[in-house]
């Protein structure tokens, strides 16, 4: 998804091309969103596109990097890089509304960068043109708590790197681990606006973490029923549940004995529930033999023994 919006040409046709490429990028993003999370029952308004930009992250001089915000969920697995000129006002030079359309000035962009602000940009489709053209507004989330409350969720970058997992075992998890709660840390680095109210996760015992030999990565998991029935609470139907998303780690002070169990018993991948910052383990891959949740496709290549 990187660099889906190309450079600005400095002429009117270039403005049209920028907006057309944004429109196409959003269309592709929606398809990938449905593929990874599941198709939503809600109708996504194609006339409105939202992009979240965190200016505290490294940004180049001419390009801006952000993430699509779909149904008030920040999708970090759907990044977009675009020319700063995409944010400038769109003027109809052949009509009287020249200069009257919302947009973000270069001075405003420079101020966002200087203050390291988090900004939600909204692109509203102009209906007076056949070609995709958008009016742009910006909402500074760093200065508005009420705006932050409108963010429903935050889903991190896709993660499916399990090439060093040789096999997984069909075993029961000891009660000493099932009865414990583990602390989730580090979400501010991966998905800081995540709402951690009864979410599901995957625990992955790492072997090559340079900072912690007992590191257990916590990944966001959105399970889908084998029956493909709609989940009325989340609006997820058909697809989804086949990959995981970066979320954080188990606290270093709590991971050593669990990491030892996972690595010694060929159970480097476990599943759990999150409530607030507490993680409860619900089982290993054996649980898929007796539940109605489909087995994630990203684990298909790992032998089960």
Protein backbone atom coordinates (compact mmCIF):
# COMPACT_ATOMS: atom_id res chain seq x y z
CA UNK A 1 0.00 0.00 0.00
CA UNK A 2 2.97 2.35 0.26
CA UNK A 3 3.23 5.15 -2.27
CA UNK A 4 -0.25 4.69 -3.66
CA UNK A 5 -0.52 8.41 -4.43
CA UNK A 6 2.13 9.69 -6.79
CA UNK A 7 3.81 13.08 -7.11
CA UNK A 8 2.06 16.38 -7.81
CA UNK A 9 2.57 17.90 -11.26
CA UNK A 10 1.76 21.49 -10.31
CA UNK A 11 -1.11 21.90 -12.82
CA UNK A 12 -4.87 21.41 -12.67
CA UNK A 13 -4.66 18.02 -14.36
CA UNK A 14 -2.15 17.03 -11.68
CA UNK A 15 -4.66 17.87 -8.95
CA UNK A 16 -7.26 15.68 -10.66
CA UNK A 17 -4.75 12.86 -10.92
CA UNK A 18 -3.87 13.08 -7.22
CA UNK A 19 -7.50 12.84 -6.20
CA UNK A 20 -8.20 10.05 -8.68
CA UNK A 21 -5.31 8.03 -7.27
CA UNK A 22 -6.57 8.60 -3.73
CA UNK A 23 -9.98 7.34 -4.82
CA UNK A 24 -8.45 4.21 -6.34
CA UNK A 25 -6.22 3.63 -3.31
CA UNK A 26 -9.24 3.79 -1.01
CA UNK A 27 -11.10 1.31 -3.17
CA UNK A 28 -8.17 -1.12 -2.90
CA UNK A 29 -7.94 -0.49 0.84
CA UNK A 30 -11.61 -1.40 1.31
CA UNK A 31 -11.10 -4.71 -0.51
CA UNK A 32 -8.08 -5.56 1.65
CA UNK A 33 -9.99 -4.48 4.76
CA UNK A 34 -12.78 -6.92 3.91
CA UNK A 35 -10.29 -9.68 3.12
CA UNK A 36 -8.38 -9.38 6.42
CA UNK A 37 -11.09 -8.33 8.87
CA UNK A 38 -14.24 -9.56 7.22
CA UNK A 39 -16.86 -7.78 5.15
CA UNK A 40 -18.83 -5.32 7.23
CA UNK A 41 -22.61 -5.34 7.35
CA UNK A 42 -22.51 -1.55 7.49
CA UNK A 43 -22.42 0.45 4.27
CA UNK A 44 -19.15 2.35 3.93
CA UNK A 45 -19.76 5.85 2.58
CA UNK A 46 -17.56 6.11 -0.49
CA UNK A 47 -18.09 9.86 -0.57
CA UNK A 48 -16.04 10.29 2.60
CA UNK A 49 -12.46 9.12 3.14
CA UNK A 50 -10.60 9.46 6.43
CA UNK A 51 -6.84 9.26 6.90
CA UNK A 52 -5.06 9.48 10.25
CA UNK A 53 -1.58 11.06 10.22
CA UNK A 54 0.72 10.99 13.26
CA UNK A 55 3.24 13.78 12.68
CA UNK A 56 5.35 12.51 15.59
CA UNK A 57 6.37 9.66 13.26
CA UNK A 58 9.11 10.25 10.72
CA UNK A 59 7.73 12.25 7.81
CA UNK A 60 9.60 13.30 4.67
CA UNK A 61 9.59 16.88 3.40
CA UNK A 62 7.31 16.32 0.39
CA UNK A 63 5.44 13.17 1.35
CA UNK A 64 3.08 12.44 4.22
CA UNK A 65 2.47 8.97 5.62
CA UNK A 66 -0.76 7.97 7.32
CA UNK A 67 -3.33 5.20 7.76
CA UNK A 68 -6.83 4.76 6.42
CA UNK A 69 -9.55 5.19 9.05
CA UNK A 70 -12.46 2.96 8.08
CA UNK A 71 -15.68 3.09 10.12
CA UNK A 72 -13.78 5.00 12.84
CA UNK A 73 -11.22 2.21 13.12
CA UNK A 74 -7.61 3.15 12.43
CA UNK A 75 -6.20 0.50 10.08
CA UNK A 76 -2.41 0.55 10.40
CA UNK A 77 -2.26 -2.46 8.08
CA UNK A 78 -3.56 -0.06 5.40
CA UNK A 79 -0.85 2.63 5.21
CA UNK A 80 -0.83 5.33 2.58
CA UNK A 81 1.89 7.76 1.49
CA UNK A 82 0.80 10.83 -0.44
CA UNK A 83 2.06 14.17 -1.71
CA UNK A 84 1.36 17.08 0.66
CA UNK A 85 -0.36 18.85 -2.25
CA UNK A 86 -3.25 16.42 -1.89
CA UNK A 87 -4.29 18.39 1.21
CA UNK A 88 -4.37 21.78 -0.52
CA UNK A 89 -7.75 23.40 -1.37
CA UNK A 90 -9.37 22.31 -4.63
CA UNK A 91 -10.52 25.39 -6.55
CA UNK A 92 -12.81 25.36 -9.56
CA UNK A 93 -11.05 28.00 -11.63
CA UNK A 94 -13.98 28.17 -14.03
CA UNK A 95 -16.59 29.17 -11.43
CA UNK A 96 -17.23 31.74 -8.74
CA UNK A 97 -16.39 29.39 -5.89
CA UNK A 98 -12.66 29.78 -6.43
CA UNK A 99 -10.87 29.88 -3.10
CA UNK A 100 -13.99 29.00 -1.09
CA UNK A 101 -13.35 25.28 -0.65
CA UNK A 102 -11.85 23.83 2.54
CA UNK A 103 -8.31 22.58 2.43
CA UNK A 104 -5.10 22.46 4.43
CA UNK A 105 -2.45 25.08 3.74
CA UNK A 106 1.28 24.42 3.60
CA UNK A 107 1.63 26.60 6.73
CA UNK A 108 -0.84 24.40 8.60
CA UNK A 109 1.02 21.26 7.54
CA UNK A 110 4.29 22.78 8.76
CA UNK A 111 2.62 23.61 12.10
CA UNK A 112 1.36 20.03 12.46
CA UNK A 113 4.89 18.75 11.87
CA UNK A 114 6.43 21.24 14.29
CA UNK A 115 4.01 20.29 17.09
CA UNK A 116 4.12 16.55 16.26
CA UNK A 117 0.32 16.53 16.16
CA UNK A 118 -2.00 13.60 15.44
CA UNK A 119 -4.46 14.74 12.78
CA UNK A 120 -7.49 13.12 11.18
CA UNK A 121 -7.99 14.32 7.60
CA UNK A 122 -11.39 13.94 6.03
CA UNK A 123 -11.88 13.97 2.25
CA UNK A 124 -15.47 14.72 1.21
CA UNK A 125 -16.36 13.90 -2.39
CA UNK A 126 -17.46 16.90 -4.45
CA UNK A 127 -20.64 16.06 -6.30
CA UNK A 128 -20.29 18.89 -8.82
CA UNK A 129 -17.62 16.96 -10.74
CA UNK A 130 -17.81 13.63 -12.56
CA UNK A 131 -14.19 12.84 -11.73
CA UNK A 132 -13.25 12.17 -8.08
CA UNK A 133 -12.38 15.46 -6.36
CA UNK A 134 -12.51 16.03 -2.62
CA UNK A 135 -12.77 18.90 -0.16
CA UNK A 136 -10.37 18.40 2.73
CA UNK A 137 -10.68 19.23 6.41
CA UNK A 138 -8.36 18.40 9.30
CA UNK A 139 -9.19 17.65 12.94
CA UNK A 140 -6.29 17.91 15.39
CA UNK A 141 -6.76 14.97 17.75
CA UNK A 142 -3.88 16.16 19.94
CA UNK A 143 -6.03 19.10 21.04
CA UNK A 144 -9.46 17.47 21.25
CA UNK A 145 -10.39 14.71 23.70
CA UNK A 146 -13.87 14.54 22.18
CA UNK A 147 -12.37 13.68 18.79
CA UNK A 148 -10.36 10.85 20.32
CA UNK A 149 -13.55 9.41 21.79
CA UNK A 150 -14.91 9.01 18.26
CA UNK A 151 -12.14 6.51 17.43
CA UNK A 152 -13.76 3.10 17.83
CA UNK A 153 -10.62 1.00 17.53
CA UNK A 154 -7.02 0.82 16.32
CA UNK A 155 -5.70 -2.25 14.51
CA UNK A 156 -1.95 -2.64 14.03
CA UNK A 157 0.27 -3.81 11.21
CA UNK A 158 -0.37 -7.31 9.86
CA UNK A 159 1.89 -10.03 11.30
CA UNK A 160 2.25 -13.57 9.96
CA UNK A 161 5.98 -14.33 10.37
CA UNK A 162 6.01 -17.84 11.78
CA UNK A 163 8.66 -19.39 9.53
CA UNK A 164 10.79 -20.44 12.51
CA UNK A 165 7.96 -22.45 14.10
CA UNK A 166 8.80 -26.04 13.13
CA UNK A 167 5.60 -27.61 14.46
CA UNK A 168 2.77 -27.22 16.95
CA UNK A 169 1.55 -29.83 19.43
CA UNK A 170 -2.01 -30.81 20.29
CA UNK A 171 -1.71 -30.54 24.06
CA UNK A 172 -3.72 -29.24 26.99
CA UNK A 173 -2.48 -26.08 28.67
CA UNK A 174 -1.73 -26.53 32.41
CA UNK A 175 -4.11 -24.86 34.87
CA UNK A 176 -1.25 -22.86 36.34
CA UNK A 177 -1.22 -20.81 33.12
CA UNK A 178 -4.96 -20.89 32.39
CA UNK A 179 -5.74 -19.46 35.82
CA UNK A 180 -3.21 -16.62 35.64
CA UNK A 181 -3.55 -13.17 34.16
CA UNK A 182 -0.68 -11.64 32.21
CA UNK A 183 -0.10 -7.93 31.68
CA UNK A 184 -0.16 -6.46 28.17
CA UNK A 185 2.44 -3.72 27.58
CA UNK A 186 3.68 -1.72 24.59
CA UNK A 187 0.38 -1.00 22.82
CA UNK A 188 1.38 2.66 22.43
CA UNK A 189 4.11 1.57 20.00
CA UNK A 190 1.84 -0.60 17.82
CA UNK A 191 -1.79 0.53 18.11
CA UNK A 192 -2.14 3.26 20.77
CA UNK A 193 -5.89 3.85 20.35
CA UNK A 194 -6.87 0.20 20.71
CA UNK A 195 -9.97 -0.35 22.81
CA UNK A 196 -9.06 -3.33 24.98
CA UNK A 197 -12.51 -4.35 26.10
CA UNK A 198 -12.90 -8.10 25.66
CA UNK A 199 -10.71 -8.59 22.61
CA UNK A 200 -9.03 -11.79 21.44
CA UNK A 201 -5.31 -12.25 20.96
CA UNK A 202 -2.51 -14.64 20.01
CA UNK A 203 0.60 -15.15 22.13
CA UNK A 204 3.76 -15.89 20.14
CA UNK A 205 6.93 -16.99 21.95
CA UNK A 206 9.80 -15.31 20.12
CA UNK A 207 13.29 -16.81 19.77
CA UNK A 208 15.17 -13.91 18.19
CA UNK A 209 14.12 -10.84 20.18
CA UNK A 210 17.30 -8.82 20.74
CA UNK A 211 15.92 -7.10 23.85
CA UNK A 212 14.41 -10.03 25.74
CA UNK A 213 15.25 -13.74 25.47
CA UNK A 214 11.83 -14.61 26.89
CA UNK A 215 9.80 -12.19 24.78
CA UNK A 216 6.19 -13.16 24.06
CA UNK A 217 4.59 -11.08 21.34
CA UNK A 218 0.88 -10.28 21.67
CA UNK A 219 -1.06 -10.16 18.40
CA UNK A 220 -4.60 -8.98 17.79
CA UNK A 221 -6.90 -11.77 16.60
CA UNK A 222 -10.43 -11.30 15.25
CA UNK A 223 -11.87 -14.82 15.21
CA UNK A 224 -14.53 -15.88 12.73
CA UNK A 225 -17.00 -18.70 13.18
CA UNK A 226 -16.73 -21.75 10.96
CA UNK A 227 -20.40 -21.35 10.07
CA UNK A 228 -19.63 -17.90 8.56
CA UNK A 229 -22.62 -16.44 10.41
CA UNK A 230 -22.64 -12.70 11.03
CA UNK A 231 -21.48 -11.41 14.40
CA UNK A 232 -24.08 -8.75 15.16
CA UNK A 233 -21.87 -6.95 17.68
CA UNK A 234 -18.87 -6.43 15.41
CA UNK A 235 -20.61 -6.53 12.02
CA UNK A 236 -18.13 -9.14 10.73
CA UNK A 237 -19.35 -11.63 8.13
CA UNK A 238 -17.90 -14.08 5.61
CA UNK A 239 -14.14 -13.52 5.75
CA UNK A 240 -11.66 -12.48 8.43
CA UNK A 241 -9.82 -14.26 11.23
CA UNK A 242 -7.05 -15.56 8.98
CA UNK A 243 -4.18 -13.30 10.05
CA UNK A 244 -3.01 -11.40 13.11
CA UNK A 245 -2.02 -7.80 13.87
CA UNK A 246 0.74 -6.39 16.06
CA UNK A 247 -0.44 -5.21 19.47
CA UNK A 248 2.27 -5.47 22.14
CA UNK A 249 4.09 -7.89 24.46
CA UNK A 250 3.57 -9.65 27.76
CA UNK A 251 5.35 -7.78 30.55
CA UNK A 252 8.98 -8.84 30.91
CA UNK A 253 8.50 -9.57 34.62
CA UNK A 254 5.81 -12.17 33.86
CA UNK A 255 6.97 -13.98 30.71
CA UNK A 256 9.86 -16.31 31.66
CA UNK A 257 8.03 -19.44 32.88
CA UNK A 258 5.32 -19.18 30.21
CA UNK A 259 7.95 -18.73 27.49
CA UNK A 260 9.79 -21.82 28.76
CA UNK A 261 6.59 -23.88 28.66
CA UNK A 262 5.67 -22.70 25.16
CA UNK A 263 9.09 -23.42 23.65
CA UNK A 264 9.66 -26.78 25.38
CA UNK A 265 6.22 -28.15 24.52
CA UNK A 266 5.98 -27.06 20.88
CA UNK A 267 3.28 -24.56 21.81
CA UNK A 268 4.87 -21.31 20.72
CA UNK A 269 1.44 -20.08 19.63
CA UNK A 270 -1.37 -19.78 22.19
CA UNK A 271 -4.70 -17.98 22.15
CA UNK A 272 -6.19 -15.66 24.72
CA UNK A 273 -8.65 -12.94 25.71
CA UNK A 274 -7.85 -9.36 26.69
CA UNK A 275 -9.82 -7.21 29.08
CA UNK A 276 -8.27 -3.82 29.76
CA UNK A 277 -4.57 -4.79 29.99
CA UNK A 278 -5.09 -8.29 31.42
CA UNK A 279 -4.57 -11.35 29.23
CA UNK A 280 -6.16 -14.72 30.02
CA UNK A 281 -5.03 -17.79 28.07
CA UNK A 282 -7.91 -19.81 26.60
CA UNK A 283 -5.91 -22.59 24.94
CA UNK A 284 -3.58 -23.81 22.22
CA UNK A 285 -4.41 -25.13 18.77
CA UNK A 286 -6.15 -28.14 20.31
CA UNK A 287 -9.12 -25.93 21.15
CA UNK A 288 -10.03 -25.75 17.45
CA UNK A 289 -11.02 -29.42 17.58
CA UNK A 290 -14.03 -28.67 19.75
CA UNK A 291 -15.08 -25.08 19.05
CA UNK A 292 -16.89 -23.33 16.21
CA UNK A 293 -14.03 -20.96 15.30
CA UNK A 294 -12.20 -21.44 12.02
CA UNK A 295 -8.46 -22.15 12.10
CA UNK A 296 -6.40 -19.14 10.88
CA UNK A 297 -4.99 -19.60 7.38
CA UNK A 298 -1.67 -17.98 8.36
CA UNK A 299 -0.95 -21.10 10.44
CA UNK A 300 -1.75 -23.63 7.69
CA UNK A 301 1.92 -24.21 6.77
CA UNK A 302 2.94 -25.16 10.31
CA UNK A 303 2.85 -28.96 10.84
CA UNK A 304 0.69 -30.24 13.69
CA UNK A 305 2.11 -33.19 15.60
